[in-house]
Amino acid sequence: MNRLVLIGNGFDLAHGLKTKYSDFIEWYWRKWNIRLKRSFNIREEDELCSFKLKDSFKFSGWHYTWEYQLGLSLLLNEDCDVLTIAKQNRELCDFIIKSPLFEKICIDNEKKWVDIEDIFYSLLKNSDNPKQLNDDLDIIKGKLVDYLNDIQNKQINPTILNPKIQKQILEPFNKADIALGSMKKWNEMLKSRMKFKDKDWDFLIEGYNHEKGIKHYSSRSVEDFIRAYGGDINFGEINQVDAISCPTYRLPDNIMLLNFNYTNTAEMYLPKVDKFSINHIHGTLSNPDSVIFGYGDERDDEYNVLMKKKDNEYLQHIKSFRYLEASNYRKMLSFVESAPYQLCIMGHSCGLSDRTLLATLFEHPNCVSIKPYYHKKDDGTDNYRELIQNIARNFKDPTLMRDRVVQKDRCEPLG
């Protein structure tokens, strides 16, 4: 039995990384603030917006305007927010946001990344110029890659590894987390391990004793268990494996981290052995062309409308097509087809922009459990209910969803 772990943006946030959408937007405008302070030009612009001084200002650029026309001593006040002045003072300059997509996603900084993809898809469905919309999304994606590269190079290192998260990733299975409809698969796994030889146990344990000098798992503990309870246990009726302390018996055969982030934070968490793998399903910062950012809900009623338009520009950022440009999606399918698996959710919102992929994983016959690790907020509340509501939208069968999703009292916060 295997474990598949979905890694979303909440995973990076749990490590103190500023990877929220609002962090990215603040970074973008902060760069503009610096640019306008230092500029000696009348006009400054990039692909998304433009700032042009009014003709009534006689000085030849922004820097002179701040210093001499408006009397701002920029050298003495490095934190001076000239950007807000430029955006709001219509007598000072013409401020234009060129991209309708960027204008719309700038309205509310509390949006999440899934909301940005939702907005893109909403505009796409009603667009007469999908190429321009795609170009705008590519520009935003490029700036996001620049921003995250800065975070990855400066902030991601082994010192931010969270031992509790590592324990959550590597912990043994628990029967109470397995769906009732999957008990046959659970019992088959337990019975098959009764036939293990010493070399099989050694292979299973490899990599799990990751702490130096501490041996959590051993073939000796399994031998003691089998000796105590015998080699012919009726697992359908007896719960000894859960009742006694033999975690070695319940270790996952293989673990794959399915990383939806573009950063490499997740790579710190798995020992370098063959049974553990990391699948960067949405690409990596080291290869910007591999980065997938768009929409992936083929169940949406209007998706077929886009398909019938016979204009491929409408499909440029549909995730299903991007998945076929690399081997990551096929590796994921191979993993879930190979054996029963528990699906753990760490920091992924399970929103509709990934519904095609998530539905494949949630509804697959080999999925025996869906365990969400929720976010606990500073005020004591958490997002467990919101998370399972999002999970439910990826199911066609609500009864199957209720059986597979682990109840809250058996879940815990991430990290």
Protein backbone atom coordinates (compact mmCIF):
# COMPACT_ATOMS: atom_id res chain seq x y z
CA MET A 1 0.00 0.00 0.00
CA ASN A 2 1.39 3.40 -1.02
CA ARG A 3 0.96 7.03 0.00
CA LEU A 4 0.46 9.98 -2.37
CA VAL A 5 0.90 13.42 -0.80
CA LEU A 6 -0.56 16.51 -2.50
CA ILE A 7 1.68 19.52 -1.82
CA GLY A 8 0.06 22.93 -2.33
CA ASN A 9 0.92 26.54 -1.54
CA GLY A 10 -0.12 26.11 2.09
CA PHE A 11 2.90 23.81 2.44
CA ASP A 12 5.27 26.67 1.61
CA LEU A 13 3.29 29.03 3.84
CA ALA A 14 3.70 26.57 6.73
CA HIS A 15 7.45 27.10 6.34
CA GLY A 16 7.16 30.86 6.70
CA LEU A 17 7.64 31.55 2.99
CA LYS A 18 5.84 34.58 1.54
CA THR A 19 4.20 32.76 -1.36
CA LYS A 20 0.65 34.08 -1.03
CA TYR A 21 -0.85 35.87 -4.00
CA SER A 22 -0.87 39.05 -1.91
CA ASP A 23 2.88 38.67 -1.27
CA PHE A 24 3.53 38.45 -4.99
CA ILE A 25 1.38 41.50 -5.78
CA GLU A 26 3.04 43.53 -3.02
CA TRP A 27 6.46 42.56 -4.44
CA TYR A 28 5.39 43.70 -7.91
CA TRP A 29 4.17 47.13 -6.73
CA ARG A 30 7.16 47.52 -4.41
CA LYS A 31 9.45 47.19 -7.44
CA TRP A 32 7.38 49.88 -9.16
CA ASN A 33 7.77 52.13 -6.13
CA ILE A 34 11.55 51.85 -6.37
CA ARG A 35 11.51 52.28 -10.14
CA LEU A 36 9.50 55.52 -10.01
CA LYS A 37 11.78 56.97 -7.34
CA ARG A 38 14.89 56.38 -9.45
CA SER A 39 13.52 57.21 -12.88
CA PHE A 40 14.66 60.27 -14.81
CA ASN A 41 12.15 59.54 -17.59
CA ILE A 42 8.72 61.03 -18.17
CA ARG A 43 7.15 57.66 -18.95
CA GLU A 44 7.81 54.31 -17.25
CA GLU A 45 6.01 51.18 -18.32
CA ASP A 46 6.14 47.40 -18.47
CA GLU A 47 3.87 44.84 -20.14
CA LEU A 48 1.14 45.29 -17.52
CA CYS A 49 0.93 48.99 -16.71
CA SER A 50 2.19 52.49 -17.56
CA PHE A 51 2.97 55.70 -15.64
CA LYS A 52 3.35 58.95 -17.67
CA LEU A 53 3.87 62.39 -16.16
CA LYS A 54 1.43 65.09 -17.22
CA ASP A 55 2.73 67.68 -19.67
CA SER A 56 2.22 70.39 -17.04
CA PHE A 57 5.25 69.08 -15.14
CA LYS A 58 8.22 70.81 -16.73
CA PHE A 59 10.97 68.75 -15.17
CA SER A 60 12.32 65.91 -17.27
CA GLY A 61 11.52 62.92 -15.15
CA TRP A 62 10.00 61.27 -12.12
CA HIS A 63 12.97 61.69 -9.80
CA TYR A 64 13.08 65.45 -10.32
CA THR A 65 9.33 65.65 -9.87
CA TRP A 66 9.44 63.95 -6.46
CA GLU A 67 12.42 65.95 -5.25
CA TYR A 68 11.71 69.42 -6.59
CA GLN A 69 8.07 69.65 -7.64
CA LEU A 70 6.60 67.79 -4.68
CA GLY A 71 9.40 68.37 -2.17
CA LEU A 72 9.90 64.72 -1.20
CA SER A 73 13.39 63.94 0.08
CA LEU A 74 13.69 60.39 -1.22
CA LEU A 75 17.18 59.78 0.12
CA LEU A 76 16.09 60.60 3.66
CA ASN A 77 12.81 58.72 3.35
CA GLU A 78 13.46 55.41 1.61
CA ASP A 79 10.04 54.06 2.60
CA CYS A 80 8.19 56.92 0.95
CA ASP A 81 5.21 55.50 -0.96
CA VAL A 82 5.44 57.44 -4.22
CA LEU A 83 3.57 54.68 -6.02
CA THR A 84 0.29 55.43 -4.25
CA ILE A 85 0.68 59.10 -5.11
CA ALA A 86 1.31 58.24 -8.77
CA LYS A 87 -1.66 55.88 -8.93
CA GLN A 88 -4.14 58.21 -7.24
CA ASN A 89 -3.09 61.72 -8.29
CA ARG A 90 -4.64 62.16 -11.74
CA GLU A 91 -3.23 65.69 -11.99
CA LEU A 92 0.28 64.26 -11.65
CA CYS A 93 0.26 61.43 -14.16
CA ASP A 94 -1.67 59.10 -16.42
CA PHE A 95 -1.71 55.66 -14.79
CA ILE A 96 -2.95 52.84 -16.99
CA ILE A 97 -3.27 49.12 -16.35
CA LYS A 98 -2.97 47.61 -19.81
CA SER A 99 -4.20 44.11 -19.00
CA PRO A 100 -7.87 43.48 -18.11
CA LEU A 101 -6.76 40.25 -16.42
CA PHE A 102 -4.19 42.01 -14.25
CA GLU A 103 -6.65 44.80 -13.46
CA LYS A 104 -9.21 42.30 -12.27
CA ILE A 105 -6.84 40.27 -10.10
CA CYS A 106 -5.49 43.44 -8.46
CA ILE A 107 -8.87 44.38 -7.00
CA ASP A 108 -8.59 42.19 -3.88
CA ASN A 109 -5.24 41.22 -2.40
CA GLU A 110 -6.89 38.54 -0.25
CA LYS A 111 -7.38 36.31 -3.25
CA LYS A 112 -5.74 32.89 -3.40
CA TRP A 113 -3.88 31.48 -6.39
CA VAL A 114 -6.84 29.27 -7.23
CA ASP A 115 -8.98 32.45 -7.42
CA ILE A 116 -6.58 33.93 -9.99
CA GLU A 117 -6.94 30.84 -12.15
CA ASP A 118 -10.73 31.04 -11.73
CA ILE A 119 -10.71 34.67 -12.88
CA PHE A 120 -8.61 33.80 -15.92
CA TYR A 121 -11.03 31.03 -16.88
CA SER A 122 -14.04 33.29 -16.38
CA LEU A 123 -12.53 35.91 -18.71
CA LEU A 124 -11.49 33.23 -21.19
CA LYS A 125 -15.04 31.91 -21.55
CA ASN A 126 -16.27 35.37 -22.52
CA SER A 127 -13.26 36.57 -24.48
CA ASP A 128 -13.19 37.57 -28.15
CA ASN A 129 -9.41 37.90 -27.96
CA PRO A 130 -8.05 34.78 -26.21
CA LYS A 131 -4.54 35.36 -27.51
CA GLN A 132 -4.24 38.66 -25.64
CA LEU A 133 -5.58 37.02 -22.49
CA ASN A 134 -3.09 34.16 -22.85
CA ASP A 135 -0.24 36.62 -23.41
CA ASP A 136 -1.24 38.51 -20.26
CA LEU A 137 -1.27 35.30 -18.23
CA ASP A 138 2.17 34.39 -19.59
CA ILE A 139 3.49 37.79 -18.49
CA ILE A 140 2.07 37.36 -14.97
CA LYS A 141 3.46 33.81 -14.84
CA GLY A 142 6.89 35.09 -15.85
CA LYS A 143 6.91 37.67 -13.08
CA LEU A 144 5.74 35.01 -10.61
CA VAL A 145 8.68 32.81 -11.62
CA ASP A 146 11.05 35.75 -10.98
CA TYR A 147 9.49 36.34 -7.56
CA LEU A 148 9.58 32.70 -6.48
CA ASN A 149 13.15 32.29 -7.73
CA ASP A 150 14.16 35.06 -5.35
CA ILE A 151 12.43 33.27 -2.47
CA GLN A 152 13.89 29.90 -3.39
CA ASN A 153 17.44 31.21 -3.66
CA LYS A 154 17.35 33.19 -0.41
CA GLN A 155 14.97 31.41 1.95
CA ILE A 156 14.65 27.69 1.16
CA ASN A 157 17.30 25.63 2.93
CA PRO A 158 17.45 22.66 5.34
CA THR A 159 17.14 24.95 8.37
CA ILE A 160 13.41 25.47 7.66
CA LEU A 161 12.65 21.73 7.60
CA ASN A 162 9.77 21.00 9.97
CA PRO A 163 10.27 17.68 11.84
CA LYS A 164 6.54 17.37 12.52
CA ILE A 165 5.70 17.65 8.82
CA GLN A 166 8.35 15.04 8.02
CA LYS A 167 6.80 12.74 10.61
CA GLN A 168 3.35 13.30 9.07
CA ILE A 169 4.67 12.40 5.62
CA LEU A 170 6.49 9.25 6.76
CA GLU A 171 4.16 7.96 9.50
CA PRO A 172 2.68 4.43 9.31
CA PHE A 173 -0.86 3.84 8.10
CA ASN A 174 -3.67 3.58 10.62
CA LYS A 175 -6.63 1.31 10.04
CA ALA A 176 -9.04 3.96 11.39
CA ASP A 177 -8.10 6.21 8.45
CA ILE A 178 -8.99 3.62 5.81
CA ALA A 179 -12.38 3.81 4.05
CA LEU A 180 -14.82 1.07 5.03
CA GLY A 181 -15.23 0.23 1.36
CA SER A 182 -11.48 -0.42 1.16
CA MET A 183 -11.14 -2.80 4.11
CA LYS A 184 -10.58 -5.73 1.78
CA LYS A 185 -7.52 -3.99 0.31
CA TRP A 186 -6.29 -3.17 3.82
CA ASN A 187 -6.58 -6.80 4.97
CA GLU A 188 -4.90 -8.03 1.80
CA MET A 189 -1.96 -5.74 2.51
CA LEU A 190 -1.63 -7.04 6.06
CA LYS A 191 -1.86 -10.67 4.95
CA SER A 192 0.71 -10.20 2.20
CA ARG A 193 3.21 -8.88 4.74
CA MET A 194 2.89 -12.08 6.74
CA LYS A 195 4.85 -13.68 3.88
CA PHE A 196 7.70 -11.16 4.00
CA LYS A 197 11.24 -12.41 4.46
CA ASP A 198 13.97 -10.52 6.31
CA LYS A 199 15.17 -8.89 3.09
CA ASP A 200 11.61 -7.71 2.37
CA TRP A 201 11.36 -6.05 5.77
CA ASP A 202 14.80 -4.48 5.37
CA PHE A 203 13.73 -3.05 2.00
CA LEU A 204 10.47 -1.72 3.45
CA ILE A 205 12.17 -0.06 6.41
CA GLU A 206 14.91 1.55 4.32
CA GLY A 207 14.71 5.32 4.55
CA TYR A 208 12.19 5.54 7.38
CA ASN A 209 14.77 5.71 10.17
CA HIS A 210 15.82 9.16 9.01
CA GLU A 211 16.89 10.52 12.40
CA LYS A 212 20.50 9.76 13.20
CA GLY A 213 20.93 7.37 16.11
CA ILE A 214 17.18 6.69 16.43
CA LYS A 215 15.71 3.46 15.14
CA HIS A 216 11.94 3.79 15.05
CA TYR A 217 11.37 0.76 12.83
CA SER A 218 12.99 -2.67 12.72
CA SER A 219 12.40 -6.17 11.41
CA ARG A 220 12.86 -7.39 14.99
CA SER A 221 9.65 -5.64 16.07
CA VAL A 222 7.77 -7.44 13.31
CA GLU A 223 9.26 -10.79 14.31
CA ASP A 224 8.15 -10.21 17.90
CA PHE A 225 4.65 -9.32 16.73
CA ILE A 226 4.28 -12.40 14.52
CA ARG A 227 5.71 -14.60 17.26
CA ALA A 228 3.19 -13.21 19.75
CA TYR A 229 0.12 -13.43 17.53
CA GLY A 230 0.99 -16.29 15.22
CA GLY A 231 1.35 -16.47 11.49
CA ASP A 232 -2.28 -17.24 10.66
CA ILE A 233 -4.32 -14.21 11.75
CA ASN A 234 -7.85 -13.58 10.52
CA PHE A 235 -7.43 -9.91 9.75
CA GLY A 236 -11.06 -9.52 8.80
CA GLU A 237 -12.14 -10.15 12.40
CA ILE A 238 -9.17 -9.35 14.62
CA ASN A 239 -7.64 -5.91 15.08
CA GLN A 240 -4.31 -6.88 16.64
CA VAL A 241 -2.25 -4.96 14.08
CA ASP A 242 -3.84 -1.70 15.19
CA ALA A 243 -4.16 -2.65 18.85
CA ILE A 244 -0.50 -3.47 19.45
CA SER A 245 2.52 -1.25 18.94
CA CYS A 246 3.96 -2.53 15.67
CA PRO A 247 4.23 0.55 13.43
CA THR A 248 6.84 -1.16 11.24
CA TYR A 249 4.13 -3.51 9.97
CA ARG A 250 2.09 -0.56 8.67
CA LEU A 251 4.70 1.50 6.81
CA PRO A 252 3.87 2.62 3.24
CA ASP A 253 5.63 0.62 0.52
CA ASN A 254 6.22 3.80 -1.52
CA ILE A 255 5.62 7.52 -1.07
CA MET A 256 5.24 10.10 -3.83
CA LEU A 257 5.05 13.82 -3.12
CA LEU A 258 2.90 15.35 -5.86
CA ASN A 259 4.16 18.92 -5.78
CA PHE A 260 1.79 21.55 -7.21
CA ASN A 261 4.19 24.32 -6.13
CA TYR A 262 7.01 25.54 -8.33
CA THR A 263 9.48 25.76 -5.44
CA ASN A 264 11.66 22.90 -4.19
CA THR A 265 10.63 23.05 -0.51
CA ALA A 266 9.21 19.52 -0.65
CA GLU A 267 12.53 18.07 -1.77
CA MET A 268 13.91 18.39 1.77
CA TYR A 269 11.45 15.87 3.17
CA LEU A 270 12.18 12.49 1.60
CA PRO A 271 15.34 10.46 2.17
CA LYS A 272 17.20 9.57 -1.03
CA VAL A 273 15.96 6.02 -1.56
CA ASP A 274 14.09 4.52 -4.51
CA LYS A 275 10.78 4.07 -2.69
CA PHE A 276 10.44 7.83 -2.23
CA SER A 277 9.87 10.20 -5.15
CA ILE A 278 8.92 13.81 -5.84
CA ASN A 279 6.75 14.65 -8.84
CA HIS A 280 6.75 18.34 -9.80
CA ILE A 281 3.41 18.04 -11.58
CA HIS A 282 3.23 21.79 -12.38
CA GLY A 283 6.85 22.26 -13.37
CA THR A 284 9.88 23.82 -11.70
CA LEU A 285 11.51 27.23 -11.47
CA SER A 286 14.71 25.83 -12.95
CA ASN A 287 12.77 25.23 -16.17
CA PRO A 288 10.33 28.16 -16.59
CA ASP A 289 8.88 26.66 -19.78
CA SER A 290 7.66 23.70 -17.70
CA VAL A 291 5.59 25.87 -15.35
CA ILE A 292 1.86 25.14 -15.66
CA PHE A 293 -0.48 27.95 -14.62
CA GLY A 294 -4.01 28.05 -15.95
CA TYR A 295 -7.21 26.08 -15.53
CA GLY A 296 -8.08 22.40 -15.33
CA ASP A 297 -11.79 21.64 -14.98
CA GLU A 298 -13.06 19.60 -17.91
CA ARG A 299 -16.32 18.96 -16.03
CA ASP A 300 -17.31 22.60 -16.25
CA ASP A 301 -20.45 23.01 -18.37
CA GLU A 302 -18.79 25.60 -20.60
CA TYR A 303 -15.59 23.65 -21.24
CA ASN A 304 -17.16 21.91 -24.24
CA VAL A 305 -18.18 25.32 -25.57
CA LEU A 306 -14.50 26.29 -25.67
CA MET A 307 -13.64 23.02 -27.41
CA LYS A 308 -16.27 23.69 -30.09
CA LYS A 309 -14.91 27.13 -30.90
CA LYS A 310 -12.18 25.44 -32.98
CA ASP A 311 -9.73 28.11 -31.95
CA ASN A 312 -6.77 26.58 -30.13
CA GLU A 313 -5.99 29.87 -28.38
CA TYR A 314 -8.87 29.07 -26.03
CA LEU A 315 -7.04 25.90 -24.94
CA GLN A 316 -3.48 27.25 -24.52
CA HIS A 317 -3.62 27.32 -20.71
CA ILE A 318 -5.93 24.37 -20.10
CA LYS A 319 -3.86 22.17 -17.80
CA SER A 320 -4.85 18.85 -19.34
CA PHE A 321 -3.00 19.70 -22.54
CA ARG A 322 0.04 21.04 -20.73
CA TYR A 323 0.33 17.79 -18.76
CA LEU A 324 0.98 15.95 -22.03
CA GLU A 325 4.11 18.02 -22.66
CA ALA A 326 6.02 16.23 -19.89
CA SER A 327 6.14 12.81 -18.25
CA ASN A 328 5.00 13.92 -14.78
CA TYR A 329 1.31 13.19 -15.27
CA ARG A 330 2.04 9.71 -16.64
CA LYS A 331 4.32 9.00 -13.67
CA MET A 332 1.48 9.99 -11.35
CA LEU A 333 -0.94 7.67 -13.15
CA SER A 334 1.57 4.84 -13.04
CA PHE A 335 1.90 5.33 -9.29
CA VAL A 336 -1.84 5.25 -8.57
CA GLU A 337 -2.40 2.28 -10.89
CA SER A 338 0.38 0.25 -9.27
CA ALA A 339 -1.23 -0.39 -5.85
CA PRO A 340 -3.82 0.87 -3.33
CA TYR A 341 -2.87 4.27 -1.93
CA GLN A 342 -3.72 6.76 0.77
CA LEU A 343 -4.01 10.35 -0.43
CA CYS A 344 -2.77 13.01 2.01
CA ILE A 345 -3.42 16.70 1.39
CA MET A 346 -0.84 19.19 2.64
CA GLY A 347 -1.51 22.80 1.79
CA HIS A 348 -3.57 22.24 -1.37
CA SER A 349 -6.95 23.99 -1.47
CA CYS A 350 -8.48 21.34 -3.78
CA GLY A 351 -10.16 24.09 -5.80
CA LEU A 352 -11.87 23.66 -9.16
CA SER A 353 -8.90 24.86 -11.20
CA ASP A 354 -7.36 21.41 -10.61
CA ARG A 355 -10.58 19.38 -10.68
CA THR A 356 -9.72 17.19 -13.68
CA LEU A 357 -6.57 15.89 -12.00
CA LEU A 358 -8.01 15.74 -8.47
CA ALA A 359 -11.10 13.83 -9.55
CA THR A 360 -8.84 11.23 -11.15
CA LEU A 361 -7.04 10.74 -7.84
CA PHE A 362 -10.01 11.00 -5.48
CA GLU A 363 -12.33 8.66 -7.38
CA HIS A 364 -9.73 6.09 -8.45
CA PRO A 365 -10.54 2.52 -7.34
CA ASN A 366 -7.13 2.25 -5.69
CA CYS A 367 -7.71 5.25 -3.41
CA VAL A 368 -8.40 3.88 0.08
CA SER A 369 -8.25 7.09 2.12
CA ILE A 370 -8.15 10.89 1.76
CA LYS A 371 -6.55 12.55 4.76
CA PRO A 372 -6.51 16.37 4.81
CA TYR A 373 -4.01 18.20 7.00
CA TYR A 374 -5.80 21.46 7.69
CA HIS A 375 -4.58 24.98 8.49
CA LYS A 376 -5.14 26.21 12.04
CA LYS A 377 -5.44 29.99 12.20
CA ASP A 378 -4.17 32.34 14.88
CA ASP A 379 -7.69 32.86 16.26
CA GLY A 380 -8.10 29.13 16.88
CA THR A 381 -10.36 28.43 13.90
CA ASP A 382 -9.32 26.19 11.02
CA ASN A 383 -10.18 25.46 7.39
CA TYR A 384 -11.04 21.75 7.70
CA ARG A 385 -14.69 22.26 6.70
CA GLU A 386 -13.79 24.51 3.76
CA LEU A 387 -11.22 21.95 2.63
CA ILE A 388 -13.60 18.99 2.64
CA GLN A 389 -16.25 21.09 0.87
CA ASN A 390 -13.72 21.72 -1.90
CA ILE A 391 -12.82 18.02 -1.93
CA ALA A 392 -16.52 17.14 -2.33
CA ARG A 393 -16.75 19.21 -5.53
CA ASN A 394 -14.25 16.84 -7.12
CA PHE A 395 -16.48 13.80 -6.56
CA LYS A 396 -19.44 12.63 -8.60
CA ASP A 397 -20.44 10.20 -5.83
CA PRO A 398 -20.97 11.98 -2.46
CA THR A 399 -21.33 8.65 -0.65
CA LEU A 400 -17.89 7.60 -1.83
CA MET A 401 -16.50 10.97 -0.72
CA ARG A 402 -17.89 10.59 2.83
CA ASP A 403 -16.37 7.12 3.13
CA ARG A 404 -12.91 8.04 1.88
CA VAL A 405 -12.36 11.41 3.59
CA VAL A 406 -10.91 10.99 7.10
CA GLN A 407 -13.06 12.61 9.79
CA LYS A 408 -11.74 15.67 11.58
CA ASP A 409 -11.03 14.03 14.92
CA ARG A 410 -8.53 11.80 13.14
CA CYS A 411 -6.88 14.68 11.28
CA GLU A 412 -4.52 17.35 12.52
CA PRO A 413 -3.04 20.70 11.48
CA LEU A 414 -0.16 20.66 9.02
CA GLY A 415 3.12 21.02 10.88
